[in-house]
Amino acid sequence: MADTDTPPDDASSATTASSRHAHIPGWGVDRDRASRPAVPMERTPPRLEGVHWTQPAQQPQTVEVLCSTERDGTITPVFGSTLPPQGASGGLRRAAFRFSENDLRHWLILLLADRTDMVEGVIDDLRRGHVPNLVAEMGLGAAWKHDRPRLLRKLAWAAGTSVLLGLLLSRRRTRVRRS
């Protein structure tokens, strides 16, 4: 006779379900609080009792701080100020913060700003007379040692893309010259 043929009583079905699913990690987290293993670690009220402030003192704003559009124009009491937005990457970051955080454009522009900042850093190093060791800084030595097939695939893709781009640009130049 199958389990679905006869309706089991509530007490035996709960025990049977617990034993059937005991092998699943996290099973039973919605059980009664008295039988949950994490209950002694949970605190009500939460920690931070006796703190002398309700909100930390506002850090003085000496540089531009970009804020999300979801905030009401105020900045958090404590914020990072070591690297304010500057250059082309700073302009991209300012543009990104015009969009809401739930907008994909916000995050894609921030990704582009990070890559732009990396290129600006290399240009700044060259301007100061420091030639960066791109092989070491990009981890190519470690990739060659530990994951050579993947590195070779990446290099092949980069070479193929460069050749394709070169061909497209050369065709465009020859068309412009003919016109």
Protein backbone atom coordinates (compact mmCIF):
# COMPACT_ATOMS: atom_id res chain seq x y z
CA MET A 1 0.00 0.00 0.00
CA ALA A 2 1.44 3.41 -0.97
CA ASP A 3 1.92 6.36 1.39
CA THR A 4 -0.72 8.38 -0.44
CA ASP A 5 -3.49 5.79 -0.07
CA THR A 6 -4.17 6.41 3.62
CA PRO A 7 -4.00 9.84 5.22
CA PRO A 8 -1.46 9.64 8.08
CA ASP A 9 -2.03 11.41 11.36
CA ASP A 10 -0.14 14.69 11.89
CA ALA A 11 2.32 13.52 14.59
CA SER A 12 3.54 10.44 12.73
CA SER A 13 3.79 12.29 9.41
CA ALA A 14 6.00 15.01 10.92
CA THR A 15 8.35 12.39 12.39
CA THR A 16 8.42 10.46 9.12
CA ALA A 17 9.12 13.63 7.12
CA SER A 18 11.92 14.62 9.51
CA SER A 19 13.58 11.24 9.24
CA ARG A 20 13.16 11.13 5.46
CA HIS A 21 14.76 14.55 4.94
CA ALA A 22 17.36 14.55 7.72
CA HIS A 23 20.16 14.05 5.16
CA ILE A 24 19.38 17.42 3.51
CA PRO A 25 21.66 20.20 4.85
CA GLY A 26 19.58 22.93 6.47
CA TRP A 27 16.47 20.81 6.77
CA GLY A 28 14.25 21.98 9.58
CA VAL A 29 15.38 25.59 9.89
CA ASP A 30 11.74 26.59 9.98
CA ARG A 31 11.02 24.32 12.95
CA ASP A 32 9.93 25.53 16.35
CA ARG A 33 12.49 27.97 17.84
CA ALA A 34 13.01 25.73 20.88
CA SER A 35 14.24 22.88 18.69
CA ARG A 36 16.46 24.92 16.37
CA PRO A 37 20.20 24.51 16.98
CA ALA A 38 21.03 28.16 16.26
CA VAL A 39 18.58 29.62 18.77
CA PRO A 40 21.09 29.93 21.61
CA MET A 41 23.35 31.98 19.28
CA GLU A 42 20.57 34.33 18.18
CA ARG A 43 20.14 37.32 20.44
CA THR A 44 17.10 39.42 21.17
CA PRO A 45 17.76 42.33 21.47
CA PRO A 46 20.73 42.21 19.09
CA ARG A 47 24.27 42.94 20.17
CA LEU A 48 25.78 46.44 20.45
CA GLU A 49 24.22 47.08 23.81
CA GLY A 50 25.66 50.05 25.70
CA VAL A 51 27.04 51.84 22.65
CA HIS A 52 27.46 55.54 23.41
CA TRP A 53 25.96 56.66 20.08
CA THR A 54 22.89 55.90 18.04
CA GLN A 55 24.69 56.80 14.84
CA PRO A 56 28.44 57.38 14.36
CA ALA A 57 29.60 60.99 14.01
CA GLN A 58 29.53 62.28 10.43
CA GLN A 59 32.93 62.07 8.75
CA PRO A 60 33.89 65.41 7.19
CA GLN A 61 33.49 65.36 3.41
CA THR A 62 36.68 66.68 1.83
CA VAL A 63 36.36 64.87 -1.52
CA GLU A 64 33.52 64.06 -3.92
CA VAL A 65 31.51 61.05 -2.74
CA LEU A 66 29.17 59.38 -5.20
CA CYS A 67 25.81 58.38 -3.73
CA SER A 68 23.13 56.03 -4.97
CA THR A 69 19.94 57.53 -6.35
CA GLU A 70 18.06 55.41 -3.81
CA ARG A 71 19.45 57.52 -0.96
CA ASP A 72 17.82 60.79 0.00
CA GLY A 73 20.90 62.83 -0.85
CA THR A 74 22.68 62.16 2.43
CA ILE A 75 25.87 60.20 2.61
CA THR A 76 26.65 57.50 5.13
CA PRO A 77 28.35 58.64 8.36
CA VAL A 78 31.60 56.88 7.40
CA PHE A 79 32.85 56.51 3.82
CA GLY A 80 36.03 55.89 1.87
CA SER A 81 37.86 58.99 0.71
CA THR A 82 41.27 57.72 -0.36
CA LEU A 83 40.45 57.57 -4.07
CA PRO A 84 37.95 60.17 -5.24
CA PRO A 85 36.60 59.86 -8.80
CA GLN A 86 38.95 61.48 -11.31
CA GLY A 87 39.73 61.40 -15.02
CA ALA A 88 37.69 59.49 -17.58
CA SER A 89 36.92 56.72 -15.11
CA GLY A 90 35.56 59.31 -12.66
CA GLY A 91 33.32 60.72 -15.37
CA LEU A 92 32.04 57.22 -16.11
CA ARG A 93 31.36 56.64 -12.40
CA ARG A 94 29.44 59.92 -12.17
CA ALA A 95 27.39 58.83 -15.20
CA ALA A 96 26.74 55.42 -13.62
CA PHE A 97 25.44 56.97 -10.41
CA ARG A 98 22.78 58.84 -12.35
CA PHE A 99 21.04 55.48 -12.80
CA SER A 100 19.37 53.42 -10.12
CA GLU A 101 21.23 50.43 -8.70
CA ASN A 102 18.59 48.10 -10.10
CA ASP A 103 19.35 49.36 -13.61
CA LEU A 104 21.81 47.22 -15.55
CA ARG A 105 23.38 50.34 -17.08
CA HIS A 106 24.58 51.39 -13.61
CA TRP A 107 26.64 48.23 -13.16
CA LEU A 108 27.89 47.97 -16.73
CA ILE A 109 29.13 51.56 -16.67
CA LEU A 110 30.87 50.87 -13.33
CA LEU A 111 32.58 47.82 -14.87
CA LEU A 112 33.72 49.97 -17.79
CA ALA A 113 34.94 52.61 -15.33
CA ASP A 114 37.04 49.99 -13.52
CA ARG A 115 38.68 48.87 -16.79
CA THR A 116 39.23 52.51 -17.78
CA ASP A 117 40.82 53.19 -14.39
CA MET A 118 43.21 50.29 -14.96
CA VAL A 119 44.28 51.70 -18.34
CA GLU A 120 44.65 55.17 -16.79
CA GLY A 121 46.87 53.65 -14.11
CA VAL A 122 49.15 52.07 -16.72
CA ILE A 123 49.34 55.36 -18.62
CA ASP A 124 50.12 57.19 -15.36
CA ASP A 125 52.90 54.69 -14.60
CA LEU A 126 54.40 55.22 -18.07
CA ARG A 127 54.16 59.00 -17.67
CA ARG A 128 56.14 58.76 -14.42
CA GLY A 129 58.81 56.65 -16.10
CA HIS A 130 57.81 53.32 -14.54
CA VAL A 131 57.31 50.53 -17.05
CA PRO A 132 54.80 48.13 -15.50
CA ASN A 133 55.54 44.43 -15.57
CA LEU A 134 52.25 43.46 -17.19
CA VAL A 135 53.15 39.75 -17.35
CA ALA A 136 53.55 39.56 -13.58
CA GLU A 137 50.77 42.01 -12.70
CA MET A 138 48.21 40.19 -14.84
CA GLY A 139 49.24 36.81 -13.42
CA LEU A 140 50.40 35.40 -16.74
CA GLY A 141 53.36 33.63 -15.14
CA ALA A 142 51.12 31.82 -12.68
CA ALA A 143 48.61 31.01 -15.42
CA TRP A 144 51.41 29.59 -17.59
CA LYS A 145 52.58 27.45 -14.70
CA HIS A 146 49.22 26.25 -13.33
CA ASP A 147 46.63 26.55 -16.13
CA ARG A 148 48.47 26.55 -19.44
CA PRO A 149 45.61 25.24 -21.66
CA ARG A 150 43.22 27.97 -20.54
CA LEU A 151 45.90 30.66 -21.00
CA LEU A 152 46.63 29.41 -24.50
CA ARG A 153 42.90 29.52 -25.34
CA LYS A 154 42.72 33.09 -24.07
CA LEU A 155 45.77 34.10 -26.08
CA ALA A 156 44.34 32.41 -29.20
CA TRP A 157 41.06 34.29 -28.77
CA ALA A 158 42.92 37.57 -28.25
CA ALA A 159 45.08 36.96 -31.33
CA GLY A 160 42.07 35.97 -33.44
CA THR A 161 40.11 39.01 -32.31
CA SER A 162 43.08 41.28 -33.04
CA VAL A 163 43.53 39.82 -36.54
CA LEU A 164 39.80 40.14 -37.26
CA LEU A 165 39.77 43.73 -36.02
CA GLY A 166 42.84 44.52 -38.11
CA LEU A 167 41.22 43.06 -41.22
CA LEU A 168 38.01 45.02 -40.65
CA LEU A 169 39.90 48.27 -40.13
CA SER A 170 42.09 47.73 -43.18
CA ARG A 171 39.00 47.08 -45.34
CA ARG A 172 37.43 50.27 -44.07
CA ARG A 173 40.59 52.24 -44.91
CA THR A 174 40.75 50.84 -48.44
CA ARG A 175 37.08 51.72 -48.98
CA VAL A 176 37.67 55.26 -47.77
CA ARG A 177 40.69 55.66 -50.10
CA ARG A 178 38.70 54.41 -53.12
CA SER A 179 35.88 56.87 -52.54
